[in-house]
Every structure is written in structure tokens, then in C-alpha cells.
């Protein structure tokens, strides 16, 4: 069944509403702060460290806990009996 015209407009408006904040907030990431470089960093080595250290920590963490089940209770059962 084809979508009606108001539904198409709503869909397009919803897509634009979700897309525009991402575009507008990402421009803050490339703000140069007077150095003409991304994030105000004028040394490429520092910029590499800023990106690769968190990425490597994330890779290590996902390697260890990436397949953890969300159904398991992290802390175990709570004993309400007081024993």
C-alpha cells in the first residue's frame, strides 16, 4: 500500500529532524579554535593519541566483555533475609 502524502511529509520531517543535530554538532568537532587544526590541536601526533588511545581501550574492553550477556545480574542476587 502506498504512503499518503501527509505520511511522506512526516517521514521526511522526522528524518531531517534526526539528521540535522548530527550535522550541526559535528561542526563543533572540527572547530579550529584559532589553530586551523581539528579540535584545536596543532600537532598531528597528539591528535593521533587522542583518537587511538580511547579506540585501543575500547577494543580491549570489547574483546573481554563484548559477548557478555545482558540477562545476567552483575552483582548477583540481593539477600533480603539479612542472614
C-alpha atoms as a PDB file:
ATOM      1  CA  UNK A   1       0.000   0.000   0.000  1.00  0.00           C
ATOM      2  CA  UNK A   2       1.391   3.380  -0.979  1.00  0.00           C
ATOM      3  CA  UNK A   3       2.023   6.042   1.629  1.00  0.00           C
ATOM      4  CA  UNK A   4      -0.276   9.039   1.665  1.00  0.00           C
ATOM      5  CA  UNK A   5       1.245  12.479   1.062  1.00  0.00           C
ATOM      6  CA  UNK A   6       0.984  13.692   4.718  1.00  0.00           C
ATOM      7  CA  UNK A   7       2.707  10.480   5.855  1.00  0.00           C
ATOM      8  CA  UNK A   8       5.545  11.099   3.408  1.00  0.00           C
ATOM      9  CA  UNK A   9       5.969  14.641   4.723  1.00  0.00           C
ATOM     10  CA  UNK A  10       6.021  13.344   8.310  1.00  0.00           C
ATOM     11  CA  UNK A  11       8.616  10.736   7.397  1.00  0.00           C
ATOM     12  CA  UNK A  12      10.826  13.277   5.660  1.00  0.00           C
ATOM     13  CA  UNK A  13      10.441  15.735   8.547  1.00  0.00           C
ATOM     14  CA  UNK A  14      11.374  13.032  11.057  1.00  0.00           C
ATOM     15  CA  UNK A  15      14.436  12.063   9.023  1.00  0.00           C
ATOM     16  CA  UNK A  16      15.571  15.682   8.747  1.00  0.00           C
ATOM     17  CA  UNK A  17      14.936  16.255  12.467  1.00  0.00           C
ATOM     18  CA  UNK A  18      17.191  13.316  13.285  1.00  0.00           C
ATOM     19  CA  UNK A  19      19.854  14.211  10.743  1.00  0.00           C
ATOM     20  CA  UNK A  20      20.293  17.935  11.369  1.00  0.00           C
ATOM     21  CA  UNK A  21      21.505  17.783  15.010  1.00  0.00           C
ATOM     22  CA  UNK A  22      24.214  15.328  13.980  1.00  0.00           C
ATOM     23  CA  UNK A  23      25.367  17.636  11.203  1.00  0.00           C
ATOM     24  CA  UNK A  24      25.276  20.749  13.373  1.00  0.00           C
ATOM     25  CA  UNK A  25      27.013  19.162  16.358  1.00  0.00           C
ATOM     26  CA  UNK A  26      29.758  17.605  14.253  1.00  0.00           C
ATOM     27  CA  UNK A  27      30.840  21.032  13.056  1.00  0.00           C
ATOM     28  CA  UNK A  28      31.861  21.770  16.649  1.00  0.00           C
ATOM     29  CA  UNK A  29      34.312  18.874  16.444  1.00  0.00           C
ATOM     30  CA  UNK A  30      36.137  20.462  13.538  1.00  0.00           C
ATOM     31  CA  UNK A  31      36.185  23.915  15.098  1.00  0.00           C
ATOM     32  CA  UNK A  32      39.722  25.186  14.791  1.00  0.00           C
ATOM     33  CA  UNK A  33      39.919  27.432  17.866  1.00  0.00           C
ATOM     34  CA  UNK A  34      42.437  29.653  16.096  1.00  0.00           C
ATOM     35  CA  UNK A  35      44.954  26.929  15.260  1.00  0.00           C
ATOM     36  CA  UNK A  36      43.457  25.983  11.875  1.00  0.00           C
ATOM     37  CA  UNK A  37      43.546  22.365  13.058  1.00  0.00           C
ATOM     38  CA  UNK A  38      40.828  19.971  14.234  1.00  0.00           C
ATOM     39  CA  UNK A  39      39.993  20.126  17.941  1.00  0.00           C
ATOM     40  CA  UNK A  40      42.482  22.966  18.290  1.00  0.00           C
ATOM     41  CA  UNK A  41      45.402  20.523  18.165  1.00  0.00           C
ATOM     42  CA  UNK A  42      48.337  21.766  16.115  1.00  0.00           C
ATOM     43  CA  UNK A  43      50.432  18.590  16.397  1.00  0.00           C
ATOM     44  CA  UNK A  44      49.311  15.521  14.456  1.00  0.00           C
ATOM     45  CA  UNK A  45      50.949  13.169  16.923  1.00  0.00           C
ATOM     46  CA  UNK A  46      48.780  14.479  19.755  1.00  0.00           C
ATOM     47  CA  UNK A  47      45.679  14.191  17.583  1.00  0.00           C
ATOM     48  CA  UNK A  48      46.602  10.570  16.827  1.00  0.00           C
ATOM     49  CA  UNK A  49      46.980   9.841  20.538  1.00  0.00           C
ATOM     50  CA  UNK A  50      43.614  11.475  21.258  1.00  0.00           C
ATOM     51  CA  UNK A  51      41.940   9.083  18.820  1.00  0.00           C
ATOM     52  CA  UNK A  52      43.927   5.853  19.072  1.00  0.00           C
ATOM     53  CA  UNK A  53      44.268   5.523  22.858  1.00  0.00           C
ATOM     54  CA  UNK A  54      40.491   5.522  23.523  1.00  0.00           C
ATOM     55  CA  UNK A  55      39.999   3.318  20.466  1.00  0.00           C
ATOM     56  CA  UNK A  56      42.517   0.783  21.753  1.00  0.00           C
ATOM     57  CA  UNK A  57      40.936   0.807  25.241  1.00  0.00           C
ATOM     58  CA  UNK A  58      37.539   0.204  23.634  1.00  0.00           C
ATOM     59  CA  UNK A  59      38.981  -2.646  21.558  1.00  0.00           C
ATOM     60  CA  UNK A  60      40.478  -4.291  24.636  1.00  0.00           C
ATOM     61  CA  UNK A  61      37.245  -3.870  26.606  1.00  0.00           C
ATOM     62  CA  UNK A  62      35.080  -5.268  23.797  1.00  0.00           C
ATOM     63  CA  UNK A  63      37.481  -8.171  23.412  1.00  0.00           C
ATOM     64  CA  UNK A  64      36.998  -9.062  27.068  1.00  0.00           C
ATOM     65  CA  UNK A  65      33.341  -8.159  27.665  1.00  0.00           C
ATOM     66  CA  UNK A  66      31.820  -7.756  24.200  1.00  0.00           C
ATOM     67  CA  UNK A  67      29.936 -11.054  24.305  1.00  0.00           C
ATOM     68  CA  UNK A  68      28.679 -10.647  27.896  1.00  0.00           C
ATOM     69  CA  UNK A  69      25.021 -11.456  28.407  1.00  0.00           C
ATOM     70  CA  UNK A  70      22.809  -8.565  29.458  1.00  0.00           C
ATOM     71  CA  UNK A  71      20.472 -11.026  31.171  1.00  0.00           C
ATOM     72  CA  UNK A  72      22.991 -11.990  33.857  1.00  0.00           C
ATOM     73  CA  UNK A  73      22.953  -9.927  37.027  1.00  0.00           C
ATOM     74  CA  UNK A  74      26.336  -8.315  37.539  1.00  0.00           C
ATOM     75  CA  UNK A  75      26.131  -8.168  41.330  1.00  0.00           C
ATOM     76  CA  UNK A  76      24.255 -11.422  41.884  1.00  0.00           C
ATOM     77  CA  UNK A  77      21.148 -11.857  43.985  1.00  0.00           C
ATOM     78  CA  UNK A  78      20.315  -9.470  46.786  1.00  0.00           C
ATOM     79  CA  UNK A  79      19.799 -11.259  50.073  1.00  0.00           C
ATOM     80  CA  UNK A  80      16.859  -9.585  51.755  1.00  0.00           C
ATOM     81  CA  UNK A  81      16.771 -12.072  54.656  1.00  0.00           C
ATOM     82  CA  UNK A  82      19.686 -10.462  56.490  1.00  0.00           C
ATOM     83  CA  UNK A  83      21.492 -13.776  57.063  1.00  0.00           C
END
